[in-house]
Amino acid sequence: MDDLCLSSSPPPPAGCDAPIYLEALAPNWQNSSLNSSYNFAEIAPVYAGSFSISAMITNAYGALSVK
């Protein structure tokens, strides 16, 4: 896949045609993760912006998956 991106804030950076995360899971994307728990609005730690994604793999073969 080309032109996917994660961004710290809207609007997406130039050249990003399919943003996945813009301070939340971007519109038209669904969380379909397996054997895990994710928070798409974690407040700490954050590299840039206000939110980040936190992950807790709860069983073997857990994965972050968005479609």
N, C-alpha and C. Protein backbone atom coordinates (compact mmCIF):
# COMPACT_ATOMS: atom_id res chain seq x y z
N MET A 1 0.85 -1.17 0.00
CA MET A 1 0.00 0.00 0.00
C MET A 1 0.90 1.23 0.00
N ASP A 2 0.47 2.22 -0.70
CA ASP A 2 1.21 3.47 -0.77
C ASP A 2 0.38 4.61 -0.17
N ASP A 3 1.08 5.63 0.24
CA ASP A 3 0.47 6.89 0.69
C ASP A 3 -0.41 6.76 1.92
N LEU A 4 -0.12 5.78 2.81
CA LEU A 4 -0.77 5.71 4.11
C LEU A 4 0.07 6.49 5.09
N CYS A 5 -0.56 7.10 6.09
CA CYS A 5 0.24 7.86 7.05
C CYS A 5 -0.46 7.95 8.40
N LEU A 6 0.34 8.18 9.42
CA LEU A 6 -0.13 8.52 10.75
C LEU A 6 0.28 9.97 10.94
N SER A 7 -0.58 10.78 11.48
CA SER A 7 -0.28 12.20 11.63
C SER A 7 -0.63 12.66 13.03
N SER A 8 0.09 13.67 13.51
CA SER A 8 -0.16 14.17 14.85
C SER A 8 -1.40 15.05 14.93
N SER A 9 -1.84 15.59 13.82
CA SER A 9 -3.04 16.44 13.84
C SER A 9 -3.57 16.64 12.44
N PRO A 10 -4.87 16.93 12.29
CA PRO A 10 -5.42 17.25 10.99
C PRO A 10 -4.91 18.61 10.53
N PRO A 11 -4.88 18.94 9.29
CA PRO A 11 -5.11 18.05 8.16
C PRO A 11 -3.91 17.13 7.94
N PRO A 12 -4.09 16.05 7.16
CA PRO A 12 -2.96 15.15 6.91
C PRO A 12 -1.86 15.88 6.15
N PRO A 13 -0.62 15.41 6.31
CA PRO A 13 0.49 16.05 5.61
C PRO A 13 0.36 15.91 4.10
N ALA A 14 1.02 16.79 3.37
CA ALA A 14 1.00 16.74 1.91
C ALA A 14 1.47 15.37 1.43
N GLY A 15 0.82 14.83 0.44
CA GLY A 15 1.18 13.55 -0.12
C GLY A 15 0.54 12.36 0.57
N CYS A 16 -0.21 12.61 1.63
CA CYS A 16 -0.88 11.54 2.35
C CYS A 16 -2.31 11.43 1.84
N ASP A 17 -2.56 10.40 1.04
CA ASP A 17 -3.88 10.24 0.43
C ASP A 17 -4.84 9.42 1.27
N ALA A 18 -4.31 8.66 2.25
CA ALA A 18 -5.17 7.78 3.05
C ALA A 18 -4.75 7.82 4.51
N PRO A 19 -5.00 8.94 5.23
CA PRO A 19 -4.59 9.00 6.63
C PRO A 19 -5.34 7.97 7.47
N ILE A 20 -4.62 7.34 8.39
CA ILE A 20 -5.21 6.33 9.27
C ILE A 20 -5.53 6.91 10.64
N TYR A 21 -4.65 7.75 11.15
CA TYR A 21 -4.81 8.27 12.51
C TYR A 21 -4.57 9.77 12.51
N LEU A 22 -5.58 10.53 12.93
CA LEU A 22 -5.48 11.99 13.04
C LEU A 22 -6.03 12.39 14.40
N GLU A 23 -5.30 12.09 15.48
CA GLU A 23 -5.74 12.30 16.86
C GLU A 23 -6.89 11.37 17.23
N ALA A 24 -7.26 10.46 16.36
CA ALA A 24 -8.26 9.39 16.55
C ALA A 24 -8.18 8.57 15.27
N LEU A 25 -8.79 7.42 15.28
CA LEU A 25 -8.85 6.64 14.06
C LEU A 25 -9.61 7.47 13.02
N ALA A 26 -9.01 7.69 11.88
CA ALA A 26 -9.60 8.57 10.86
C ALA A 26 -10.93 8.00 10.35
N PRO A 27 -11.81 8.88 9.85
CA PRO A 27 -13.09 8.42 9.30
C PRO A 27 -12.87 7.36 8.23
N ASN A 28 -13.80 6.46 8.12
CA ASN A 28 -13.80 5.36 7.15
C ASN A 28 -12.83 4.23 7.49
N TRP A 29 -12.14 4.31 8.64
CA TRP A 29 -11.27 3.21 9.08
C TRP A 29 -11.95 2.55 10.28
N GLN A 30 -11.87 1.21 10.35
CA GLN A 30 -12.44 0.46 11.47
C GLN A 30 -11.35 -0.33 12.16
N ASN A 31 -11.42 -0.39 13.47
CA ASN A 31 -10.50 -1.20 14.26
C ASN A 31 -10.94 -2.66 14.17
N SER A 32 -10.09 -3.52 13.65
CA SER A 32 -10.41 -4.95 13.59
C SER A 32 -9.26 -5.76 14.18
N SER A 33 -8.70 -5.26 15.28
CA SER A 33 -7.57 -5.89 15.94
C SER A 33 -7.96 -7.21 16.57
N LEU A 34 -6.97 -8.09 16.76
CA LEU A 34 -7.20 -9.42 17.30
C LEU A 34 -6.49 -9.59 18.64
N ASN A 35 -7.13 -10.28 19.56
CA ASN A 35 -6.51 -10.66 20.83
C ASN A 35 -5.74 -9.52 21.48
N SER A 36 -6.36 -8.36 21.50
CA SER A 36 -5.68 -7.19 22.03
C SER A 36 -6.69 -6.13 22.43
N SER A 37 -6.20 -5.17 23.17
CA SER A 37 -7.01 -4.04 23.59
C SER A 37 -6.28 -2.77 23.20
N TYR A 38 -6.95 -1.88 22.50
CA TYR A 38 -6.33 -0.64 22.04
C TYR A 38 -7.14 0.56 22.48
N ASN A 39 -6.45 1.63 22.81
CA ASN A 39 -7.08 2.90 23.14
C ASN A 39 -6.55 3.90 22.13
N PHE A 40 -7.41 4.41 21.27
CA PHE A 40 -7.00 5.35 20.23
C PHE A 40 -7.02 6.80 20.73
N ALA A 41 -7.25 7.00 22.02
CA ALA A 41 -7.25 8.35 22.60
C ALA A 41 -6.46 8.37 23.91
N GLU A 42 -5.33 7.68 23.93
CA GLU A 42 -4.46 7.66 25.11
C GLU A 42 -3.85 9.06 25.29
N ILE A 43 -3.77 9.53 26.53
CA ILE A 43 -3.26 10.89 26.77
C ILE A 43 -1.80 10.92 27.19
N ALA A 44 -1.18 9.79 27.48
CA ALA A 44 0.24 9.79 27.87
C ALA A 44 0.84 8.41 27.60
N PRO A 45 2.00 8.29 27.10
CA PRO A 45 2.83 9.37 26.56
C PRO A 45 2.38 9.76 25.15
N VAL A 46 2.63 11.00 24.80
CA VAL A 46 2.27 11.52 23.49
C VAL A 46 3.50 12.19 22.90
N TYR A 47 3.88 11.81 21.70
CA TYR A 47 5.04 12.41 21.03
C TYR A 47 4.67 13.77 20.45
N ALA A 48 3.51 13.86 19.79
CA ALA A 48 3.04 15.12 19.20
C ALA A 48 1.53 15.11 19.22
N GLY A 49 0.90 16.26 19.30
CA GLY A 49 -0.55 16.33 19.36
C GLY A 49 -1.04 16.08 20.77
N SER A 50 -2.29 15.66 20.89
CA SER A 50 -2.89 15.46 22.21
C SER A 50 -3.08 14.00 22.58
N PHE A 51 -3.14 13.11 21.59
CA PHE A 51 -3.45 11.70 21.85
C PHE A 51 -2.45 10.78 21.17
N SER A 52 -2.41 9.55 21.64
CA SER A 52 -1.61 8.50 21.02
C SER A 52 -2.41 7.20 21.08
N ILE A 53 -1.85 6.14 20.52
CA ILE A 53 -2.51 4.83 20.56
C ILE A 53 -1.79 3.98 21.60
N SER A 54 -2.52 3.44 22.56
CA SER A 54 -1.93 2.50 23.51
C SER A 54 -2.39 1.10 23.13
N ALA A 55 -1.54 0.12 23.41
CA ALA A 55 -1.85 -1.25 23.02
C ALA A 55 -1.55 -2.21 24.15
N MET A 56 -2.42 -3.20 24.31
CA MET A 56 -2.20 -4.29 25.26
C MET A 56 -2.56 -5.58 24.53
N ILE A 57 -1.53 -6.38 24.23
CA ILE A 57 -1.76 -7.68 23.60
C ILE A 57 -2.20 -8.62 24.71
N THR A 58 -3.38 -9.23 24.56
CA THR A 58 -3.95 -10.04 25.63
C THR A 58 -3.79 -11.54 25.44
N ASN A 59 -3.47 -11.97 24.23
CA ASN A 59 -3.26 -13.39 23.94
C ASN A 59 -2.24 -13.51 22.81
N ALA A 60 -1.78 -14.73 22.59
CA ALA A 60 -0.85 -14.98 21.50
C ALA A 60 -1.47 -14.53 20.17
N TYR A 61 -0.64 -14.12 19.28
CA TYR A 61 -1.04 -13.69 17.94
C TYR A 61 -1.93 -12.46 17.95
N GLY A 62 -1.77 -11.60 18.94
CA GLY A 62 -2.50 -10.35 18.95
C GLY A 62 -1.92 -9.39 17.93
N ALA A 63 -2.74 -8.52 17.39
CA ALA A 63 -2.26 -7.60 16.37
C ALA A 63 -3.17 -6.38 16.27
N LEU A 64 -2.56 -5.27 15.91
CA LEU A 64 -3.32 -4.07 15.56
C LEU A 64 -3.67 -4.21 14.09
N SER A 65 -4.93 -4.09 13.78
CA SER A 65 -5.39 -4.21 12.41
C SER A 65 -6.51 -3.21 12.19
N VAL A 66 -6.39 -2.43 11.14
CA VAL A 66 -7.45 -1.50 10.76
C VAL A 66 -7.81 -1.76 9.30
N LYS A 67 -9.08 -1.57 9.01
CA LYS A 67 -9.49 -1.76 7.60
C LYS A 67 -10.45 -0.66 7.19
